[in-house]
């Protein structure tokens, strides 16, 4: 998520980056839950890392139509 490289030193910028990361994680867990429901598996059997990596490939295919 890029937390190791902050582009700002202000407290508001740091807080914004932390909230952005938490929000993205919440969306990723929700997406993982939807995948688990679709596959009839428990959520702990779904890899959130693989879902995160798959988002890039989905975006590329979506851009190509």
N, C-alpha and C. Protein backbone atom coordinates (compact mmCIF):
# COMPACT_ATOMS: atom_id res chain seq x y z
N UNK A 1 0.81 -1.20 0.00
CA UNK A 1 0.00 0.00 0.00
C UNK A 1 0.85 1.25 0.00
N UNK A 2 2.14 1.13 0.05
CA UNK A 2 3.00 2.29 -0.03
C UNK A 2 3.17 3.05 1.27
N UNK A 3 2.91 2.42 2.39
CA UNK A 3 3.07 3.12 3.66
C UNK A 3 4.53 3.36 4.02
N UNK A 4 5.44 2.64 3.41
CA UNK A 4 6.85 2.84 3.73
C UNK A 4 7.40 4.11 3.07
N UNK A 5 6.70 4.65 2.10
CA UNK A 5 7.13 5.86 1.42
C UNK A 5 6.02 6.91 1.48
N UNK A 6 6.06 7.74 2.51
CA UNK A 6 5.07 8.81 2.62
C UNK A 6 5.59 10.03 1.87
N UNK A 7 4.73 10.65 1.12
CA UNK A 7 5.13 11.81 0.33
C UNK A 7 4.95 13.11 1.10
N UNK A 8 4.51 13.00 2.31
CA UNK A 8 4.28 14.19 3.10
C UNK A 8 4.77 13.96 4.52
N UNK A 9 5.09 15.02 5.17
CA UNK A 9 5.51 14.93 6.57
C UNK A 9 4.48 15.54 7.49
N UNK A 10 3.42 16.10 6.93
CA UNK A 10 2.41 16.72 7.77
C UNK A 10 1.56 15.66 8.45
N UNK A 11 1.05 15.99 9.61
CA UNK A 11 0.25 15.04 10.37
C UNK A 11 -1.04 14.69 9.62
N UNK A 12 -1.62 15.66 8.93
CA UNK A 12 -2.84 15.39 8.15
C UNK A 12 -2.56 14.43 7.00
N UNK A 13 -1.42 14.57 6.35
CA UNK A 13 -1.06 13.66 5.26
C UNK A 13 -0.86 12.24 5.75
N UNK A 14 -0.22 12.10 6.90
CA UNK A 14 0.00 10.78 7.48
C UNK A 14 -1.33 10.15 7.88
N UNK A 15 -2.19 10.93 8.53
CA UNK A 15 -3.51 10.42 8.93
C UNK A 15 -4.32 10.01 7.70
N UNK A 16 -4.27 10.81 6.66
CA UNK A 16 -5.00 10.50 5.43
C UNK A 16 -4.51 9.17 4.83
N UNK A 17 -3.20 8.96 4.81
CA UNK A 17 -2.65 7.72 4.26
C UNK A 17 -3.06 6.52 5.10
N UNK A 18 -3.10 6.67 6.42
CA UNK A 18 -3.52 5.57 7.29
C UNK A 18 -5.00 5.26 7.06
N UNK A 19 -5.85 6.27 6.98
CA UNK A 19 -7.28 6.05 6.72
C UNK A 19 -7.49 5.42 5.35
N UNK A 20 -6.72 5.87 4.37
CA UNK A 20 -6.82 5.30 3.03
C UNK A 20 -6.49 3.81 3.04
N UNK A 21 -5.46 3.44 3.78
CA UNK A 21 -5.06 2.05 3.87
C UNK A 21 -6.13 1.21 4.57
N UNK A 22 -6.69 1.71 5.68
CA UNK A 22 -7.74 0.99 6.39
C UNK A 22 -8.98 0.82 5.52
N UNK A 23 -9.33 1.86 4.78
CA UNK A 23 -10.50 1.79 3.91
C UNK A 23 -10.29 0.76 2.81
N UNK A 24 -9.11 0.76 2.20
CA UNK A 24 -8.82 -0.21 1.15
C UNK A 24 -8.86 -1.63 1.71
N UNK A 25 -8.31 -1.82 2.92
CA UNK A 25 -8.33 -3.15 3.53
C UNK A 25 -9.77 -3.61 3.79
N UNK A 26 -10.62 -2.69 4.24
CA UNK A 26 -12.03 -3.05 4.49
C UNK A 26 -12.72 -3.47 3.19
N UNK A 27 -12.44 -2.75 2.12
CA UNK A 27 -13.03 -3.10 0.82
C UNK A 27 -12.48 -4.45 0.35
N UNK A 28 -11.19 -4.69 0.56
CA UNK A 28 -10.59 -5.95 0.16
C UNK A 28 -11.19 -7.13 0.94
N UNK A 29 -11.43 -6.96 2.23
CA UNK A 29 -12.06 -8.01 3.03
C UNK A 29 -13.49 -8.25 2.55
N UNK A 30 -14.21 -7.19 2.23
CA UNK A 30 -15.57 -7.33 1.73
C UNK A 30 -15.58 -8.07 0.39
N UNK A 31 -14.64 -7.76 -0.47
CA UNK A 31 -14.52 -8.46 -1.75
C UNK A 31 -14.15 -9.92 -1.52
N UNK A 32 -13.26 -10.18 -0.58
CA UNK A 32 -12.90 -11.56 -0.24
C UNK A 32 -14.09 -12.34 0.30
N UNK A 33 -14.93 -11.67 1.08
CA UNK A 33 -16.13 -12.31 1.60
C UNK A 33 -17.09 -12.67 0.46
N UNK A 34 -17.20 -11.78 -0.52
CA UNK A 34 -18.07 -12.06 -1.67
C UNK A 34 -17.53 -13.24 -2.48
N UNK A 35 -16.20 -13.30 -2.65
CA UNK A 35 -15.60 -14.43 -3.36
C UNK A 35 -15.84 -15.72 -2.59
N UNK A 36 -15.67 -15.67 -1.27
CA UNK A 36 -15.88 -16.86 -0.44
C UNK A 36 -17.32 -17.34 -0.54
N UNK A 37 -18.27 -16.41 -0.52
CA UNK A 37 -19.68 -16.79 -0.67
C UNK A 37 -19.94 -17.43 -2.02
N UNK A 38 -19.37 -16.86 -3.06
CA UNK A 38 -19.57 -17.39 -4.42
C UNK A 38 -19.00 -18.81 -4.56
N UNK A 39 -17.88 -19.06 -3.89
CA UNK A 39 -17.23 -20.37 -3.97
C UNK A 39 -17.70 -21.33 -2.87
N UNK A 40 -18.58 -20.86 -2.02
CA UNK A 40 -19.08 -21.64 -0.87
C UNK A 40 -17.94 -22.13 0.02
N UNK A 41 -17.02 -21.23 0.32
CA UNK A 41 -15.89 -21.51 1.19
C UNK A 41 -15.90 -20.55 2.37
N UNK A 42 -15.28 -20.94 3.49
CA UNK A 42 -15.14 -19.97 4.58
C UNK A 42 -14.12 -18.89 4.20
N UNK A 43 -14.26 -17.71 4.78
CA UNK A 43 -13.40 -16.58 4.43
C UNK A 43 -11.93 -16.87 4.72
N UNK A 44 -11.63 -17.66 5.74
CA UNK A 44 -10.23 -17.93 6.06
C UNK A 44 -9.55 -18.83 5.03
N UNK A 45 -10.29 -19.39 4.11
CA UNK A 45 -9.71 -20.18 3.02
C UNK A 45 -9.39 -19.33 1.79
N UNK A 46 -9.79 -18.06 1.82
CA UNK A 46 -9.57 -17.15 0.69
C UNK A 46 -8.34 -16.30 0.97
N UNK A 47 -7.45 -16.20 0.00
CA UNK A 47 -6.24 -15.39 0.14
C UNK A 47 -6.53 -13.95 -0.29
N UNK A 48 -6.49 -13.04 0.68
CA UNK A 48 -6.70 -11.63 0.35
C UNK A 48 -5.55 -11.09 -0.49
N UNK A 49 -4.36 -11.64 -0.30
CA UNK A 49 -3.22 -11.22 -1.11
C UNK A 49 -3.44 -11.56 -2.58
N UNK A 50 -3.98 -12.74 -2.85
CA UNK A 50 -4.22 -13.12 -4.25
C UNK A 50 -5.35 -12.29 -4.86
N UNK A 51 -6.34 -11.93 -4.05
CA UNK A 51 -7.39 -11.05 -4.55
C UNK A 51 -6.80 -9.70 -4.89
N UNK A 52 -5.92 -9.19 -4.02
CA UNK A 52 -5.26 -7.91 -4.27
C UNK A 52 -4.43 -7.96 -5.55
N UNK A 53 -3.67 -9.02 -5.71
CA UNK A 53 -2.87 -9.16 -6.94
C UNK A 53 -3.74 -9.32 -8.17
N UNK A 54 -4.87 -9.98 -8.03
CA UNK A 54 -5.78 -10.19 -9.16
C UNK A 54 -6.46 -8.92 -9.62
N UNK A 55 -6.54 -7.91 -8.74
CA UNK A 55 -7.17 -6.65 -9.13
C UNK A 55 -6.44 -5.99 -10.29
N UNK A 56 -5.11 -6.10 -10.30
CA UNK A 56 -4.34 -5.54 -11.40
C UNK A 56 -4.72 -6.21 -12.73
N UNK A 57 -4.79 -7.52 -12.73
CA UNK A 57 -5.12 -8.25 -13.96
C UNK A 57 -6.55 -7.96 -14.40
N UNK A 58 -7.46 -7.85 -13.45
CA UNK A 58 -8.84 -7.47 -13.78
C UNK A 58 -8.87 -6.10 -14.43
N UNK A 59 -8.12 -5.15 -13.88
CA UNK A 59 -8.09 -3.79 -14.42
C UNK A 59 -7.55 -3.78 -15.85
N UNK A 60 -6.50 -4.55 -16.10
CA UNK A 60 -5.91 -4.59 -17.46
C UNK A 60 -6.90 -5.16 -18.46
N UNK A 61 -7.56 -6.26 -18.10
CA UNK A 61 -8.54 -6.87 -19.00
C UNK A 61 -9.73 -5.96 -19.21
N UNK A 62 -10.15 -5.29 -18.14
CA UNK A 62 -11.29 -4.37 -18.25
C UNK A 62 -10.96 -3.19 -19.18
N UNK A 63 -9.74 -2.70 -19.14
CA UNK A 63 -9.34 -1.62 -20.02
C UNK A 63 -9.31 -2.04 -21.48
N UNK A 64 -9.00 -3.29 -21.73
CA UNK A 64 -8.94 -3.79 -23.11
C UNK A 64 -10.34 -4.09 -23.66
N UNK A 65 -11.32 -4.14 -22.77
CA UNK A 65 -12.69 -4.37 -23.22
C UNK A 65 -13.00 -5.83 -23.23
